[in-house]
Each structure stands twice: as structure tokens, then as C-alpha cells.
Amino acid sequence: NRQDLIMDLDSKKEAQNEAPTLDKFPFELKNNEAVIALKEINSDSISYVKLLDIQERSQLDMPSMPQ
């Protein structure tokens, strides 16, 4: 509910919106690590899960549905 946010069909007016400031990321991660944030429904409690040693693999192509 930002009062200074411009929502308009004219993209030139919306372009006047300022970019949000980002907080410092709370985790130091290596290139093969990730963090997942889990928020409980009806609560402000957030839990974090850190994934370690993520391995990059080639894409698995899935066949498309027959026409």
C-alpha cells in the first residue's frame, strides 16, 4: 500500500516510479548453494532451509503432447 506508487495505463507515467531499495541479503552463499524461505500461513514466522552442493545438470527435454 505505497501511496507514492503510480499505476497507470500510460507506461511513461509508471516509469516515474522509483525502484525499491533492497536490503542486504542475509546469507553468504557459494555458487552451488541456495536458500528457501518458508512462511507459515497466518503467522509472521519465517523459516529458512539452506541447500548445499547443488549440481548443475543438462536440461531434460520433455516430449510435447500430440496435436
N, C-alpha and C. Protein backbone atom coordinates (compact mmCIF):
# COMPACT_ATOMS: atom_id res chain seq x y z
N ASN A 1 0.83 -1.19 0.00
CA ASN A 1 0.00 0.00 0.00
C ASN A 1 0.87 1.25 0.00
N ARG A 2 1.69 1.38 -1.00
CA ARG A 2 2.53 2.57 -1.12
C ARG A 2 1.72 3.67 -1.77
N GLN A 3 1.66 4.81 -1.13
CA GLN A 3 0.90 5.94 -1.65
C GLN A 3 1.62 6.63 -2.81
N ASP A 4 2.94 6.48 -2.90
CA ASP A 4 3.69 7.16 -3.95
C ASP A 4 3.85 6.32 -5.21
N LEU A 5 3.19 5.18 -5.28
CA LEU A 5 3.29 4.28 -6.43
C LEU A 5 2.29 4.70 -7.50
N ILE A 6 2.79 4.92 -8.71
CA ILE A 6 1.93 5.35 -9.81
C ILE A 6 1.51 4.12 -10.62
N MET A 7 0.21 3.88 -10.70
CA MET A 7 -0.35 2.80 -11.51
C MET A 7 -1.19 3.46 -12.59
N ASP A 8 -0.80 3.28 -13.86
CA ASP A 8 -1.48 3.97 -14.93
C ASP A 8 -1.35 3.15 -16.21
N LEU A 9 -2.31 3.29 -17.12
CA LEU A 9 -2.21 2.63 -18.42
C LEU A 9 -1.06 3.21 -19.24
N ASP A 10 -0.72 4.45 -18.98
CA ASP A 10 0.37 5.11 -19.69
C ASP A 10 1.70 4.68 -19.05
N SER A 11 2.50 3.92 -19.79
CA SER A 11 3.76 3.40 -19.24
C SER A 11 4.75 4.51 -18.91
N LYS A 12 4.63 5.67 -19.57
CA LYS A 12 5.54 6.78 -19.27
C LYS A 12 5.29 7.31 -17.87
N LYS A 13 4.03 7.30 -17.42
CA LYS A 13 3.72 7.74 -16.05
C LYS A 13 4.24 6.72 -15.04
N GLU A 14 4.07 5.42 -15.35
CA GLU A 14 4.55 4.39 -14.44
C GLU A 14 6.07 4.36 -14.36
N ALA A 15 6.74 4.80 -15.42
CA ALA A 15 8.21 4.82 -15.44
C ALA A 15 8.76 5.81 -14.41
N GLN A 16 7.92 6.71 -13.89
CA GLN A 16 8.36 7.67 -12.88
C GLN A 16 8.48 7.02 -11.50
N ASN A 17 7.99 5.79 -11.33
CA ASN A 17 8.11 5.10 -10.05
C ASN A 17 9.58 4.85 -9.74
N GLU A 18 9.95 5.03 -8.49
CA GLU A 18 11.32 4.77 -8.08
C GLU A 18 11.51 3.30 -7.80
N ALA A 19 12.68 2.80 -8.12
CA ALA A 19 12.99 1.40 -7.84
C ALA A 19 13.08 1.19 -6.33
N PRO A 20 12.61 0.05 -5.84
CA PRO A 20 12.68 -0.19 -4.39
C PRO A 20 14.13 -0.38 -3.95
N THR A 21 14.42 0.00 -2.72
CA THR A 21 15.75 -0.23 -2.17
C THR A 21 15.78 -1.65 -1.61
N LEU A 22 16.85 -2.34 -1.89
CA LEU A 22 16.98 -3.73 -1.46
C LEU A 22 17.78 -3.80 -0.17
N ASP A 23 17.29 -4.60 0.76
CA ASP A 23 18.03 -4.83 1.99
C ASP A 23 19.22 -5.74 1.69
N LYS A 24 20.20 -5.71 2.55
CA LYS A 24 21.34 -6.59 2.38
C LYS A 24 20.88 -8.03 2.51
N PHE A 25 21.33 -8.86 1.59
CA PHE A 25 20.95 -10.27 1.61
C PHE A 25 21.51 -10.91 2.88
N PRO A 26 20.68 -11.60 3.66
CA PRO A 26 21.11 -12.07 4.99
C PRO A 26 21.99 -13.31 4.98
N PHE A 27 22.33 -13.85 3.82
CA PHE A 27 23.12 -15.08 3.79
C PHE A 27 24.32 -14.91 2.86
N GLU A 28 25.41 -15.53 3.21
CA GLU A 28 26.58 -15.62 2.34
C GLU A 28 26.48 -16.98 1.64
N LEU A 29 26.35 -16.96 0.31
CA LEU A 29 26.17 -18.20 -0.43
C LEU A 29 27.28 -18.40 -1.45
N LYS A 30 27.66 -19.66 -1.65
CA LYS A 30 28.58 -20.01 -2.72
C LYS A 30 27.75 -20.20 -4.00
N ASN A 31 28.43 -20.40 -5.13
CA ASN A 31 27.74 -20.57 -6.41
C ASN A 31 26.87 -21.83 -6.46
N ASN A 32 27.15 -22.80 -5.60
CA ASN A 32 26.39 -24.05 -5.62
C ASN A 32 25.48 -24.19 -4.39
N GLU A 33 25.04 -23.06 -3.83
CA GLU A 33 24.16 -23.06 -2.67
C GLU A 33 22.93 -22.19 -2.92
N ALA A 34 21.85 -22.48 -2.20
CA ALA A 34 20.62 -21.70 -2.31
C ALA A 34 19.91 -21.71 -0.96
N VAL A 35 19.02 -20.74 -0.77
CA VAL A 35 18.22 -20.67 0.45
C VAL A 35 16.75 -20.57 0.06
N ILE A 36 15.91 -21.34 0.72
CA ILE A 36 14.47 -21.29 0.51
C ILE A 36 13.84 -20.74 1.78
N ALA A 37 12.99 -19.71 1.63
CA ALA A 37 12.30 -19.12 2.77
C ALA A 37 10.89 -19.70 2.84
N LEU A 38 10.48 -20.16 4.00
CA LEU A 38 9.16 -20.74 4.22
C LEU A 38 8.42 -19.88 5.24
N LYS A 39 7.26 -19.35 4.85
CA LYS A 39 6.46 -18.51 5.74
C LYS A 39 5.21 -19.27 6.13
N GLU A 40 4.95 -19.32 7.42
CA GLU A 40 3.76 -20.00 7.90
C GLU A 40 2.52 -19.17 7.60
N ILE A 41 1.44 -19.85 7.25
CA ILE A 41 0.17 -19.17 6.99
C ILE A 41 -0.34 -18.59 8.31
N ASN A 42 -0.86 -17.37 8.26
CA ASN A 42 -1.41 -16.67 9.42
C ASN A 42 -0.36 -16.42 10.50
N SER A 43 0.89 -16.27 10.09
CA SER A 43 1.96 -16.02 11.06
C SER A 43 3.04 -15.18 10.39
N ASP A 44 3.81 -14.46 11.19
CA ASP A 44 4.93 -13.71 10.66
C ASP A 44 6.22 -14.51 10.73
N SER A 45 6.12 -15.76 11.18
CA SER A 45 7.28 -16.61 11.36
C SER A 45 7.81 -17.09 10.00
N ILE A 46 9.12 -16.94 9.80
CA ILE A 46 9.76 -17.39 8.56
C ILE A 46 10.88 -18.35 8.94
N SER A 47 10.90 -19.51 8.28
CA SER A 47 11.96 -20.49 8.46
C SER A 47 12.78 -20.54 7.18
N TYR A 48 14.06 -20.86 7.29
CA TYR A 48 14.94 -20.91 6.14
C TYR A 48 15.56 -22.29 6.03
N VAL A 49 15.68 -22.77 4.79
CA VAL A 49 16.35 -24.04 4.51
C VAL A 49 17.48 -23.73 3.54
N LYS A 50 18.70 -24.15 3.89
CA LYS A 50 19.85 -23.90 3.03
C LYS A 50 20.19 -25.19 2.28
N LEU A 51 20.24 -25.09 0.96
CA LEU A 51 20.60 -26.23 0.12
C LEU A 51 22.07 -26.13 -0.22
N LEU A 52 22.79 -27.22 0.00
CA LEU A 52 24.23 -27.25 -0.22
C LEU A 52 24.58 -28.14 -1.40
N ASP A 53 25.69 -27.88 -2.02
CA ASP A 53 26.25 -28.71 -3.08
C ASP A 53 25.24 -28.99 -4.20
N ILE A 54 24.62 -27.94 -4.72
CA ILE A 54 23.67 -28.08 -5.83
C ILE A 54 24.49 -28.33 -7.09
N GLN A 55 24.10 -29.35 -7.85
CA GLN A 55 24.83 -29.70 -9.06
C GLN A 55 24.02 -29.29 -10.29
N GLU A 56 24.68 -28.63 -11.22
CA GLU A 56 24.02 -28.23 -12.46
C GLU A 56 24.00 -29.42 -13.41
N ARG A 57 22.84 -29.67 -13.98
CA ARG A 57 22.70 -30.78 -14.92
C ARG A 57 22.12 -30.26 -16.22
N SER A 58 22.27 -31.06 -17.26
CA SER A 58 21.70 -30.66 -18.54
C SER A 58 20.18 -30.76 -18.47
N GLN A 59 19.54 -29.98 -19.32
CA GLN A 59 18.07 -29.92 -19.33
C GLN A 59 17.50 -31.24 -19.82
N LEU A 60 16.43 -31.68 -19.18
CA LEU A 60 15.73 -32.88 -19.58
C LEU A 60 14.56 -32.45 -20.45
N ASP A 61 14.65 -32.74 -21.74
CA ASP A 61 13.60 -32.35 -22.66
C ASP A 61 12.40 -33.27 -22.49
N MET A 62 11.25 -32.68 -22.32
CA MET A 62 10.02 -33.45 -22.19
C MET A 62 9.30 -33.41 -23.53
N PRO A 63 8.82 -34.54 -24.01
CA PRO A 63 8.11 -34.53 -25.29
C PRO A 63 6.80 -33.73 -25.16
N SER A 64 6.47 -33.04 -26.24
CA SER A 64 5.24 -32.27 -26.22
C SER A 64 4.04 -33.19 -26.46
N MET A 65 2.88 -32.70 -26.07
CA MET A 65 1.67 -33.51 -26.26
C MET A 65 1.36 -33.62 -27.76
N PRO A 66 0.83 -34.76 -28.18
CA PRO A 66 0.47 -34.90 -29.59
C PRO A 66 -0.61 -33.91 -29.97
N GLN A 67 -0.54 -33.42 -31.19
CA GLN A 67 -1.53 -32.44 -31.67
C GLN A 67 -2.83 -33.11 -31.98
